[in-house]
Amino acid sequence: MESERYKLLLNRVKELEKKVEQLRISRRVLMNLVAQLEKEKADQVLPLIEENRRLKKANNRYAQILWSKNQQIAELTFWDKPEVKS
């Protein structure tokens, strides 16, 4: 009776040890997948960040050109106004 219980408990321990080992393997696989996904994400995001910087720089240059042209237009329209005589 006691030996049967001992055998059952031994079998149960072995089953649980197998499950623990399977969980460890599953965890490693999942961690590798997460690492791979993070790398892929970084590989996709980096070019987008670079393009964003380039577009911001181009936008800044364009805004400066527009500002300069608007100033020129304002100066030309100021000097071209006829004087109002009272």
PDB file of N, CA and C in Angstrom:
ATOM      1  N   MET A   1       0.833  -1.192   0.000  1.00  0.00           N
ATOM      2  CA  MET A   1       0.000   0.000   0.000  1.00  0.00           C
ATOM      3  C   MET A   1       0.874   1.251   0.000  1.00  0.00           C
ATOM      4  N   GLU A   2       1.809   1.237   0.918  1.00  0.00           N
ATOM      5  CA  GLU A   2       2.716   2.380   1.017  1.00  0.00           C
ATOM      6  C   GLU A   2       3.590   2.485  -0.228  1.00  0.00           C
ATOM      7  N   SER A   3       4.024   1.350  -0.760  1.00  0.00           N
ATOM      8  CA  SER A   3       4.877   1.371  -1.951  1.00  0.00           C
ATOM      9  C   SER A   3       4.087   1.809  -3.190  1.00  0.00           C
ATOM     10  N   GLU A   4       2.807   1.470  -3.248  1.00  0.00           N
ATOM     11  CA  GLU A   4       1.970   1.915  -4.371  1.00  0.00           C
ATOM     12  C   GLU A   4       1.820   3.436  -4.350  1.00  0.00           C
ATOM     13  N   ARG A   5       1.580   3.951  -3.205  1.00  0.00           N
ATOM     14  CA  ARG A   5       1.449   5.414  -3.057  1.00  0.00           C
ATOM     15  C   ARG A   5       2.766   6.093  -3.430  1.00  0.00           C
ATOM     16  N   TYR A   6       3.851   5.477  -2.998  1.00  0.00           N
ATOM     17  CA  TYR A   6       5.175   6.015  -3.320  1.00  0.00           C
ATOM     18  C   TYR A   6       5.395   6.024  -4.838  1.00  0.00           C
ATOM     19  N   LYS A   7       5.012   4.926  -5.508  1.00  0.00           N
ATOM     20  CA  LYS A   7       5.153   4.836  -6.967  1.00  0.00           C
ATOM     21  C   LYS A   7       4.283   5.890  -7.663  1.00  0.00           C
ATOM     22  N   LEU A   8       3.064   6.058  -7.178  1.00  0.00           N
ATOM     23  CA  LEU A   8       2.167   7.066  -7.760  1.00  0.00           C
ATOM     24  C   LEU A   8       2.753   8.467  -7.608  1.00  0.00           C
ATOM     25  N   LEU A   9       3.282   8.716  -6.428  1.00  0.00           N
ATOM     26  CA  LEU A   9       3.878  10.034  -6.195  1.00  0.00           C
ATOM     27  C   LEU A   9       5.120  10.235  -7.059  1.00  0.00           C
ATOM     28  N   LEU A  10       5.917   9.186  -7.211  1.00  0.00           N
ATOM     29  CA  LEU A  10       7.095   9.274  -8.080  1.00  0.00           C
ATOM     30  C   LEU A  10       6.694   9.565  -9.524  1.00  0.00           C
ATOM     31  N   ASN A  11       5.664   8.876  -9.987  1.00  0.00           N
ATOM     32  CA  ASN A  11       5.170   9.109 -11.347  1.00  0.00           C
ATOM     33  C   ASN A  11       4.663  10.540 -11.504  1.00  0.00           C
ATOM     34  N   ARG A  12       3.962  10.982 -10.487  1.00  0.00           N
ATOM     35  CA  ARG A  12       3.427  12.362 -10.523  1.00  0.00           C
ATOM     36  C   ARG A  12       4.567  13.375 -10.558  1.00  0.00           C
ATOM     37  N   VAL A  13       5.594  13.137  -9.768  1.00  0.00           N
ATOM     38  CA  VAL A  13       6.757  14.031  -9.755  1.00  0.00           C
ATOM     39  C   VAL A  13       7.421  14.044 -11.128  1.00  0.00           C
ATOM     40  N   LYS A  14       7.578  12.875 -11.741  1.00  0.00           N
ATOM     41  CA  LYS A  14       8.192  12.792 -13.076  1.00  0.00           C
ATOM     42  C   LYS A  14       7.354  13.548 -14.110  1.00  0.00           C
ATOM     43  N   GLU A  15       6.039  13.381 -14.035  1.00  0.00           N
ATOM     44  CA  GLU A  15       5.145  14.105 -14.954  1.00  0.00           C
ATOM     45  C   GLU A  15       5.309  15.618 -14.784  1.00  0.00           C
ATOM     46  N   LEU A  16       5.334  16.037 -13.543  1.00  0.00           N
ATOM     47  CA  LEU A  16       5.471  17.473 -13.273  1.00  0.00           C
ATOM     48  C   LEU A  16       6.834  17.994 -13.729  1.00  0.00           C
ATOM     49  N   GLU A  17       7.875  17.208 -13.553  1.00  0.00           N
ATOM     50  CA  GLU A  17       9.203  17.615 -14.022  1.00  0.00           C
ATOM     51  C   GLU A  17       9.221  17.757 -15.541  1.00  0.00           C
ATOM     52  N   LYS A  18       8.547  16.830 -16.237  1.00  0.00           N
ATOM     53  CA  LYS A  18       8.454  16.921 -17.700  1.00  0.00           C
ATOM     54  C   LYS A  18       7.719  18.199 -18.108  1.00  0.00           C
ATOM     55  N   LYS A  19       6.627  18.473 -17.398  1.00  0.00           N
ATOM     56  CA  LYS A  19       5.863  19.688 -17.710  1.00  0.00           C
ATOM     57  C   LYS A  19       6.694  20.943 -17.471  1.00  0.00           C
ATOM     58  N   VAL A  20       7.467  20.941 -16.387  1.00  0.00           N
ATOM     59  CA  VAL A  20       8.333  22.088 -16.097  1.00  0.00           C
ATOM     60  C   VAL A  20       9.354  22.264 -17.218  1.00  0.00           C
ATOM     61  N   GLU A  21       9.942  21.171 -17.670  1.00  0.00           N
ATOM     62  CA  GLU A  21      10.925  21.245 -18.760  1.00  0.00           C
ATOM     63  C   GLU A  21      10.269  21.761 -20.042  1.00  0.00           C
ATOM     64  N   GLN A  22       9.061  21.289 -20.323  1.00  0.00           N
ATOM     65  CA  GLN A  22       8.336  21.775 -21.505  1.00  0.00           C
ATOM     66  C   GLN A  22       8.048  23.268 -21.387  1.00  0.00           C
ATOM     67  N   LEU A  23       7.689  23.700 -20.196  1.00  0.00           N
ATOM     68  CA  LEU A  23       7.430  25.123 -19.982  1.00  0.00           C
ATOM     69  C   LEU A  23       8.701  25.948 -20.181  1.00  0.00           C
ATOM     70  N   ARG A  24       9.832  25.424 -19.725  1.00  0.00           N
ATOM     71  CA  ARG A  24      11.104  26.128 -19.924  1.00  0.00           C
ATOM     72  C   ARG A  24      11.412  26.270 -21.406  1.00  0.00           C
ATOM     73  N   ILE A  25      11.193  25.184 -22.146  1.00  0.00           N
ATOM     74  CA  ILE A  25      11.437  25.230 -23.593  1.00  0.00           C
ATOM     75  C   ILE A  25      10.479  26.225 -24.243  1.00  0.00           C
ATOM     76  N   SER A  26       9.214  26.166 -23.858  1.00  0.00           N
ATOM     77  CA  SER A  26       8.222  27.095 -24.415  1.00  0.00           C
ATOM     78  C   SER A  26       8.599  28.537 -24.110  1.00  0.00           C
ATOM     79  N   ARG A  27       9.068  28.764 -22.909  1.00  0.00           N
ATOM     80  CA  ARG A  27       9.475  30.124 -22.523  1.00  0.00           C
ATOM     81  C   ARG A  27      10.632  30.595 -23.392  1.00  0.00           C
ATOM     82  N   ARG A  28      11.624  29.722 -23.606  1.00  0.00           N
ATOM     83  CA  ARG A  28      12.760  30.097 -24.454  1.00  0.00           C
ATOM     84  C   ARG A  28      12.301  30.417 -25.872  1.00  0.00           C
ATOM     85  N   VAL A  29      11.407  29.590 -26.388  1.00  0.00           N
ATOM     86  CA  VAL A  29      10.891  29.826 -27.743  1.00  0.00           C
ATOM     87  C   VAL A  29      10.169  31.169 -27.799  1.00  0.00           C
ATOM     88  N   LEU A  30       9.328  31.430 -26.817  1.00  0.00           N
ATOM     89  CA  LEU A  30       8.592  32.696 -26.790  1.00  0.00           C
ATOM     90  C   LEU A  30       9.531  33.891 -26.656  1.00  0.00           C
ATOM     91  N   MET A  31      10.546  33.767 -25.811  1.00  0.00           N
ATOM     92  CA  MET A  31      11.506  34.862 -25.644  1.00  0.00           C
ATOM     93  C   MET A  31      12.266  35.115 -26.947  1.00  0.00           C
ATOM     94  N   ASN A  32      12.619  34.042 -27.653  1.00  0.00           N
ATOM     95  CA  ASN A  32      13.286  34.207 -28.951  1.00  0.00           C
ATOM     96  C   ASN A  32      12.365  34.892 -29.955  1.00  0.00           C
ATOM     97  N   LEU A  33      11.092  34.517 -29.943  1.00  0.00           N
ATOM     98  CA  LEU A  33      10.127  35.158 -30.842  1.00  0.00           C
ATOM     99  C   LEU A  33       9.968  36.636 -30.512  1.00  0.00           C
ATOM    100  N   VAL A  34       9.893  36.951 -29.231  1.00  0.00           N
ATOM    101  CA  VAL A  34       9.773  38.355 -28.816  1.00  0.00           C
ATOM    102  C   VAL A  34      11.000  39.138 -29.260  1.00  0.00           C
ATOM    103  N   ALA A  35      12.183  38.570 -29.065  1.00  0.00           N
ATOM    104  CA  ALA A  35      13.415  39.247 -29.478  1.00  0.00           C
ATOM    105  C   ALA A  35      13.432  39.463 -30.984  1.00  0.00           C
ATOM    106  N   GLN A  36      12.992  38.462 -31.728  1.00  0.00           N
ATOM    107  CA  GLN A  36      12.946  38.574 -33.187  1.00  0.00           C
ATOM    108  C   GLN A  36      11.960  39.660 -33.613  1.00  0.00           C
ATOM    109  N   LEU A  37      10.800  39.703 -32.981  1.00  0.00           N
ATOM    110  CA  LEU A  37       9.802  40.723 -33.313  1.00  0.00           C
ATOM    111  C   LEU A  37      10.309  42.124 -32.987  1.00  0.00           C
ATOM    112  N   GLU A  38      10.999  42.260 -31.860  1.00  0.00           N
ATOM    113  CA  GLU A  38      11.549  43.569 -31.498  1.00  0.00           C
ATOM    114  C   GLU A  38      12.598  44.021 -32.509  1.00  0.00           C
ATOM    115  N   LYS A  39      13.424  43.089 -32.980  1.00  0.00           N
ATOM    116  CA  LYS A  39      14.433  43.430 -33.978  1.00  0.00           C
ATOM    117  C   LYS A  39      13.764  43.849 -35.285  1.00  0.00           C
ATOM    118  N   GLU A  40      12.754  43.091 -35.719  1.00  0.00           N
ATOM    119  CA  GLU A  40      12.031  43.435 -36.943  1.00  0.00           C
ATOM    120  C   GLU A  40      11.378  44.807 -36.813  1.00  0.00           C
ATOM    121  N   LYS A  41      10.808  45.073 -35.655  1.00  0.00           N
ATOM    122  CA  LYS A  41      10.168  46.375 -35.421  1.00  0.00           C
ATOM    123  C   LYS A  41      11.201  47.489 -35.516  1.00  0.00           C
ATOM    124  N   ALA A  42      12.353  47.284 -34.884  1.00  0.00           N
ATOM    125  CA  ALA A  42      13.418  48.292 -34.934  1.00  0.00           C
ATOM    126  C   ALA A  42      13.893  48.495 -36.368  1.00  0.00           C
ATOM    127  N   ASP A  43      13.998  47.401 -37.127  1.00  0.00           N
ATOM    128  CA  ASP A  43      14.424  47.500 -38.523  1.00  0.00           C
ATOM    129  C   ASP A  43      13.412  48.278 -39.363  1.00  0.00           C
ATOM    130  N   GLN A  44      12.147  48.195 -39.012  1.00  0.00           N
ATOM    131  CA  GLN A  44      11.115  48.928 -39.743  1.00  0.00           C
ATOM    132  C   GLN A  44      11.028  50.377 -39.288  1.00  0.00           C
ATOM    133  N   VAL A  45      11.239  50.621 -38.010  1.00  0.00           N
ATOM    134  CA  VAL A  45      11.063  51.961 -37.454  1.00  0.00           C
ATOM    135  C   VAL A  45      12.230  52.883 -37.813  1.00  0.00           C
ATOM    136  N   LEU A  46      13.445  52.355 -37.836  1.00  0.00           N
ATOM    137  CA  LEU A  46      14.622  53.188 -38.080  1.00  0.00           C
ATOM    138  C   LEU A  46      14.537  53.963 -39.399  1.00  0.00           C
ATOM    139  N   PRO A  47      14.202  53.322 -40.531  1.00  0.00           N
ATOM    140  CA  PRO A  47      14.070  54.105 -41.768  1.00  0.00           C
ATOM    141  C   PRO A  47      12.970  55.168 -41.681  1.00  0.00           C
ATOM    142  N   LEU A  48      11.907  54.870 -40.954  1.00  0.00           N
ATOM    143  CA  LEU A  48      10.825  55.844 -40.806  1.00  0.00           C
ATOM    144  C   LEU A  48      11.286  57.051 -39.997  1.00  0.00           C
ATOM    145  N   ILE A  49      12.086  56.807 -38.972  1.00  0.00           N
ATOM    146  CA  ILE A  49      12.622  57.912 -38.169  1.00  0.00           C
ATOM    147  C   ILE A  49      13.524  58.786 -39.027  1.00  0.00           C
ATOM    148  N   GLU A  50      14.377  58.149 -39.834  1.00  0.00           N
ATOM    149  CA  GLU A  50      15.275  58.903 -40.711  1.00  0.00           C
ATOM    150  C   GLU A  50      14.481  59.719 -41.728  1.00  0.00           C
ATOM    151  N   GLU A  51      13.449  59.119 -42.312  1.00  0.00           N
ATOM    152  CA  GLU A  51      12.625  59.842 -43.280  1.00  0.00           C
ATOM    153  C   GLU A  51      11.906  61.006 -42.606  1.00  0.00           C
ATOM    154  N   ASN A  52      11.444  60.800 -41.393  1.00  0.00           N
ATOM    155  CA  ASN A  52      10.776  61.859 -40.647  1.00  0.00           C
ATOM    156  C   ASN A  52      11.724  63.037 -40.424  1.00  0.00           C
ATOM    157  N   ARG A  53      12.968  62.752 -40.034  1.00  0.00           N
ATOM    158  CA  ARG A  53      13.961  63.820 -39.852  1.00  0.00           C
ATOM    159  C   ARG A  53      14.194  64.584 -41.151  1.00  0.00           C
ATOM    160  N   ARG A  54      14.341  63.813 -42.242  1.00  0.00           N
ATOM    161  CA  ARG A  54      14.584  64.438 -43.542  1.00  0.00           C
ATOM    162  C   ARG A  54      13.408  65.335 -43.937  1.00  0.00           C
ATOM    163  N   LEU A  55      12.194  64.850 -43.729  1.00  0.00           N
ATOM    164  CA  LEU A  55      11.011  65.631 -44.089  1.00  0.00           C
ATOM    165  C   LEU A  55      10.873  66.879 -43.219  1.00  0.00           C
ATOM    166  N   LYS A  56      11.197  66.765 -41.933  1.00  0.00           N
ATOM    167  CA  LYS A  56      11.142  67.938 -41.055  1.00  0.00           C
ATOM    168  C   LYS A  56      12.148  68.990 -41.500  1.00  0.00           C
ATOM    169  N   LYS A  57      13.340  68.533 -41.882  1.00  0.00           N
ATOM    170  CA  LYS A  57      14.378  69.454 -42.339  1.00  0.00           C
ATOM    171  C   LYS A  57      13.939  70.153 -43.628  1.00  0.00           C
ATOM    172  N   ALA A  58      13.390  69.379 -44.568  1.00  0.00           N
ATOM    173  CA  ALA A  58      12.908  69.953 -45.826  1.00  0.00           C
ATOM    174  C   ALA A  58      11.750  70.909 -45.565  1.00  0.00           C
ATOM    175  N   ASN A  59      10.873  70.555 -44.651  1.00  0.00           N
ATOM    176  CA  ASN A  59       9.740  71.407 -44.312  1.00  0.00           C
ATOM    177  C   ASN A  59      10.216  72.725 -43.701  1.00  0.00           C
ATOM    178  N   ASN A  60      11.235  72.649 -42.854  1.00  0.00           N
ATOM    179  CA  ASN A  60      11.791  73.846 -42.232  1.00  0.00           C
ATOM    180  C   ASN A  60      12.388  74.776 -43.297  1.00  0.00           C
ATOM    181  N   ARG A  61      13.144  74.183 -44.229  1.00  0.00           N
ATOM    182  CA  ARG A  61      13.714  74.995 -45.322  1.00  0.00           C
ATOM    183  C   ARG A  61      12.608  75.653 -46.142  1.00  0.00           C
ATOM    184  N   TYR A  62      11.570  74.886 -46.456  1.00  0.00           N
ATOM    185  CA  TYR A  62      10.463  75.412 -47.242  1.00  0.00           C
ATOM    186  C   TYR A  62       9.763  76.552 -46.500  1.00  0.00           C
ATOM    187  N   ALA A  63       9.562  76.396 -45.196  1.00  0.00           N
ATOM    188  CA  ALA A  63       8.918  77.448 -44.398  1.00  0.00           C
ATOM    189  C   ALA A  63       9.774  78.710 -44.382  1.00  0.00           C
ATOM    190  N   GLN A  64      11.094  78.559 -44.298  1.00  0.00           N
ATOM    191  CA  GLN A  64      11.980  79.725 -44.314  1.00  0.00           C
ATOM    192  C   GLN A  64      11.921  80.442 -45.661  1.00  0.00           C
ATOM    193  N   ILE A  65      11.877  79.672 -46.740  1.00  0.00           N
ATOM    194  CA  ILE A  65      11.765  80.277 -48.073  1.00  0.00           C
ATOM    195  C   ILE A  65      10.444  81.029 -48.195  1.00  0.00           C
ATOM    196  N   LEU A  66       9.358  80.415 -47.749  1.00  0.00           N
ATOM    197  CA  LEU A  66       8.050  81.083 -47.802  1.00  0.00           C
ATOM    198  C   LEU A  66       8.056  82.367 -46.980  1.00  0.00           C
ATOM    199  N   TRP A  67       8.650  82.319 -45.801  1.00  0.00           N
ATOM    200  CA  TRP A  67       8.721  83.498 -44.940  1.00  0.00           C
ATOM    201  C   TRP A  67       9.495  84.612 -45.639  1.00  0.00           C
ATOM    202  N   SER A  68      10.609  84.247 -46.252  1.00  0.00           N
ATOM    203  CA  SER A  68      11.429  85.228 -46.960  1.00  0.00           C
ATOM    204  C   SER A  68      10.655  85.834 -48.133  1.00  0.00           C
ATOM    205  N   LYS A  69       9.970  85.000 -48.893  1.00  0.00           N
ATOM    206  CA  LYS A  69       9.187  85.495 -50.041  1.00  0.00           C
ATOM    207  C   LYS A  69       8.051  86.402 -49.563  1.00  0.00           C
ATOM    208  N   ASN A  70       7.404  86.038 -48.469  1.00  0.00           N
ATOM    209  CA  ASN A  70       6.334  86.880 -47.929  1.00  0.00           C
ATOM    210  C   ASN A  70       6.871  88.237 -47.486  1.00  0.00           C
ATOM    211  N   GLN A  71       8.066  88.242 -46.903  1.00  0.00           N
ATOM    212  CA  GLN A  71       8.679  89.514 -46.516  1.00  0.00           C
ATOM    213  C   GLN A  71       8.968  90.369 -47.748  1.00  0.00           C
ATOM    214  N   GLN A  72       9.482  89.742 -48.803  1.00  0.00           N
ATOM    215  CA  GLN A  72       9.756  90.480 -50.037  1.00  0.00           C
ATOM    216  C   GLN A  72       8.470  91.059 -50.614  1.00  0.00           C
ATOM    217  N   ILE A  73       7.416  90.266 -50.619  1.00  0.00           N
ATOM    218  CA  ILE A  73       6.127  90.742 -51.141  1.00  0.00           C
ATOM    219  C   ILE A  73       5.618  91.898 -50.299  1.00  0.00           C
ATOM    220  N   ALA A  74       5.726  91.778 -48.985  1.00  0.00           N
ATOM    221  CA  ALA A  74       5.261  92.845 -48.100  1.00  0.00           C
ATOM    222  C   ALA A  74       6.053  94.128 -48.342  1.00  0.00           C
ATOM    223  N   GLU A  75       7.362  94.016 -48.518  1.00  0.00           N
ATOM    224  CA  GLU A  75       8.184  95.201 -48.780  1.00  0.00           C
ATOM    225  C   GLU A  75       7.822  95.833 -50.115  1.00  0.00           C
ATOM    226  N   LEU A  76       7.630  95.011 -51.138  1.00  0.00           N
ATOM    227  CA  LEU A  76       7.282  95.545 -52.456  1.00  0.00           C
ATOM    228  C   LEU A  76       5.921  96.232 -52.431  1.00  0.00           C
ATOM    229  N   THR A  77       4.952  95.639 -51.760  1.00  0.00           N
ATOM    230  CA  THR A  77       3.624  96.257 -51.721  1.00  0.00           C
ATOM    231  C   THR A  77       3.644  97.517 -50.860  1.00  0.00           C
ATOM    232  N   PHE A  78       4.505  97.567 -49.854  1.00  0.00           N
ATOM    233  CA  PHE A  78       4.619  98.765 -49.021  1.00  0.00           C
ATOM    234  C   PHE A  78       5.195  99.917 -49.835  1.00  0.00           C
ATOM    235  N   TRP A  79       6.225  99.656 -50.619  1.00  0.00           N
ATOM    236  CA  TRP A  79       6.884 100.721 -51.385  1.00  0.00           C
ATOM    237  C   TRP A  79       6.082 101.117 -52.612  1.00  0.00           C
ATOM    238  N   ASP A  80       5.238 100.237 -53.122  1.00  0.00           N
ATOM    239  CA  ASP A  80       4.469 100.541 -54.323  1.00  0.00           C
ATOM    240  C   ASP A  80       3.160 101.262 -54.031  1.00  0.00           C
ATOM    241  N   LYS A  81       2.783 101.441 -52.772  1.00  0.00           N
ATOM    242  CA  LYS A  81       1.525 102.107 -52.451  1.00  0.00           C
ATOM    243  C   LYS A  81       1.651 103.592 -52.776  1.00  0.00           C
ATOM    244  N   PRO A  82       0.659 104.112 -53.445  1.00  0.00           N
ATOM    245  CA  PRO A  82       0.680 105.563 -53.689  1.00  0.00           C
ATOM    246  C   PRO A  82       0.367 106.305 -52.394  1.00  0.00           C
ATOM    247  N   GLU A  83       0.958 107.472 -52.279  1.00  0.00           N
ATOM    248  CA  GLU A  83       0.708 108.273 -51.078  1.00  0.00           C
ATOM    249  C   GLU A  83      -0.707 108.830 -51.131  1.00  0.00           C
ATOM    250  N   VAL A  84      -1.342 108.852 -49.995  1.00  0.00           N
ATOM    251  CA  VAL A  84      -2.690 109.395 -49.898  1.00  0.00           C
ATOM    252  C   VAL A  84      -2.563 110.861 -49.534  1.00  0.00           C
ATOM    253  N   LYS A  85      -3.133 111.752 -50.384  1.00  0.00           N
ATOM    254  CA  LYS A  85      -3.069 113.188 -50.119  1.00  0.00           C
ATOM    255  C   LYS A  85      -4.361 113.625 -49.466  1.00  0.00           C
ATOM    256  N   SER A  86      -4.219 114.458 -48.453  1.00  0.00           N
ATOM    257  CA  SER A  86      -5.397 114.945 -47.762  1.00  0.00           C
ATOM    258  C   SER A  86      -5.821 116.273 -48.299  1.00  0.00           C
TER     259      SER A  86
END
